[in-house]
Amino acid sequence: NRIHNMTVAFANTLTAHGFEVSRAPYFDTLIVDVTTSKHGSHLTPESVRAECEANGCNIRILDAKRVGISFGEAITKADTIALLKGFNIIVNPDIVGVHYLA
C-alpha cells in the first residue's frame, strides 16, 4: 500500500537521523519525539510545527516532546520531503529509500 510505504520510509528517515519514532504498530500515523535527534536537539514540537506549516504541512503537537503525523491518501512525495524539512532533514529525492515516497 502506497500510504503505508510512505509512512515507513518517512519513519526510517527520521530514525536514521536520530529521532525516536513510536514503535507501536502504525499504518499511516507516527508519533515522533522531536527532542531526540543529535542534530535536532534544539527542536521543540512548536518549532517543528511552525517549520512544517511554513512548508505547507500540518502536524499535531501531542506534548512537550512529541508530535503526531498522519499520512492521508492525498499526500505526495513533495509533501513528505516538505515534512522532513520541518525536522531539519534535507533529502535527495533520487536516493535509495525515498523511492517509496512516490
Protein backbone atom coordinates (compact mmCIF):
# COMPACT_ATOMS: atom_id res chain seq x y z
CA ASN A 1 0.00 0.00 0.00
CA ARG A 2 1.40 3.37 -1.05
CA ILE A 3 0.42 5.25 2.13
CA HIS A 4 1.92 2.65 4.46
CA ASN A 5 5.12 2.52 2.37
CA MET A 6 5.41 6.30 2.57
CA THR A 7 4.85 6.19 6.33
CA VAL A 8 7.54 3.52 6.76
CA ALA A 9 10.02 5.39 4.55
CA PHE A 10 9.37 8.59 6.50
CA ALA A 11 9.82 6.79 9.85
CA ASN A 12 13.04 5.15 8.62
CA THR A 13 14.40 8.52 7.52
CA LEU A 14 13.61 10.10 10.89
CA THR A 15 15.17 7.14 12.73
CA ALA A 16 18.30 7.34 10.57
CA HIS A 17 18.64 10.97 11.67
CA GLY A 18 18.38 10.08 15.34
CA PHE A 19 14.72 10.78 16.03
CA GLU A 20 12.78 8.40 18.23
CA VAL A 21 9.69 7.19 16.39
CA SER A 22 6.98 5.29 18.25
CA ARG A 23 7.40 1.56 17.84
CA ALA A 24 3.68 0.94 18.28
CA PRO A 25 2.06 -0.66 15.24
CA TYR A 26 1.15 2.00 12.74
CA PHE A 27 -0.32 2.16 9.30
CA ASP A 28 -0.42 5.84 8.40
CA THR A 29 0.26 7.69 11.67
CA LEU A 30 3.52 8.29 13.53
CA ILE A 31 4.45 9.74 16.90
CA VAL A 32 7.87 11.37 16.93
CA ASP A 33 9.95 12.66 19.84
CA VAL A 34 11.46 15.78 18.26
CA THR A 35 13.99 16.27 21.09
CA THR A 36 15.95 13.06 20.43
CA SER A 37 17.87 13.83 17.24
CA LYS A 38 21.57 14.51 17.56
CA HIS A 39 21.34 17.43 15.12
CA GLY A 40 17.85 18.44 16.15
CA SER A 41 18.47 18.87 19.86
CA HIS A 42 17.21 22.44 19.69
CA LEU A 43 13.89 21.36 18.20
CA THR A 44 10.61 21.66 20.04
CA PRO A 45 7.18 20.48 18.94
CA GLU A 46 6.29 24.13 18.34
CA SER A 47 9.35 24.80 16.16
CA VAL A 48 8.76 21.63 14.12
CA ARG A 49 5.09 22.51 13.62
CA ALA A 50 5.96 26.07 12.58
CA GLU A 51 8.53 24.84 10.05
CA CYS A 52 6.18 22.18 8.69
CA GLU A 53 3.39 24.75 8.34
CA ALA A 54 5.80 27.10 6.54
CA ASN A 55 6.32 24.24 4.08
CA GLY A 56 2.57 23.68 3.68
CA CYS A 57 2.19 20.67 6.01
CA ASN A 58 0.21 20.22 9.21
CA ILE A 59 1.20 18.16 12.25
CA ARG A 60 -0.22 17.85 15.78
CA ILE A 61 1.59 18.71 18.97
CA LEU A 62 1.00 15.92 21.47
CA ASP A 63 3.06 17.13 24.44
CA ALA A 64 6.31 18.94 25.32
CA LYS A 65 8.42 16.47 23.30
CA ARG A 66 6.24 14.72 20.73
CA VAL A 67 4.32 15.42 17.56
CA GLY A 68 1.87 13.28 15.64
CA ILE A 69 1.89 12.95 11.87
CA SER A 70 -0.82 11.28 9.79
CA PHE A 71 -0.44 10.45 6.13
CA GLY A 72 -3.59 10.67 4.03
CA GLU A 73 -4.42 9.43 0.56
CA ALA A 74 -3.61 12.81 -0.97
CA ILE A 75 -0.03 13.02 0.36
CA THR A 76 2.69 13.25 -2.27
CA LYS A 77 6.43 12.75 -2.40
CA ALA A 78 6.84 16.55 -2.36
CA ASP A 79 4.66 16.78 0.78
CA THR A 80 6.78 14.19 2.54
CA ILE A 81 10.02 15.94 1.62
CA ALA A 82 8.50 19.21 2.92
CA LEU A 83 7.61 17.44 6.20
CA LEU A 84 11.20 16.25 6.56
CA LYS A 85 12.39 19.85 6.21
CA GLY A 86 10.39 20.60 9.35
CA PHE A 87 12.73 18.22 11.16
CA ASN A 88 15.82 19.88 9.62
CA ILE A 89 16.26 16.94 7.26
CA ILE A 90 17.02 17.67 3.64
CA VAL A 91 16.89 14.64 1.36
CA ASN A 92 17.76 13.99 -2.23
CA PRO A 93 14.58 12.54 -3.74
CA ASP A 94 16.70 10.33 -6.01
CA ILE A 95 18.40 8.38 -3.19
CA VAL A 96 17.56 4.79 -2.34
CA GLY A 97 14.68 4.53 0.13
CA VAL A 98 12.95 7.71 -0.94
CA HIS A 99 11.51 5.89 -3.98
CA TYR A 100 8.81 4.62 -1.61
CA LEU A 101 7.63 8.21 -1.33
CA ALA A 102 6.44 8.16 -4.95
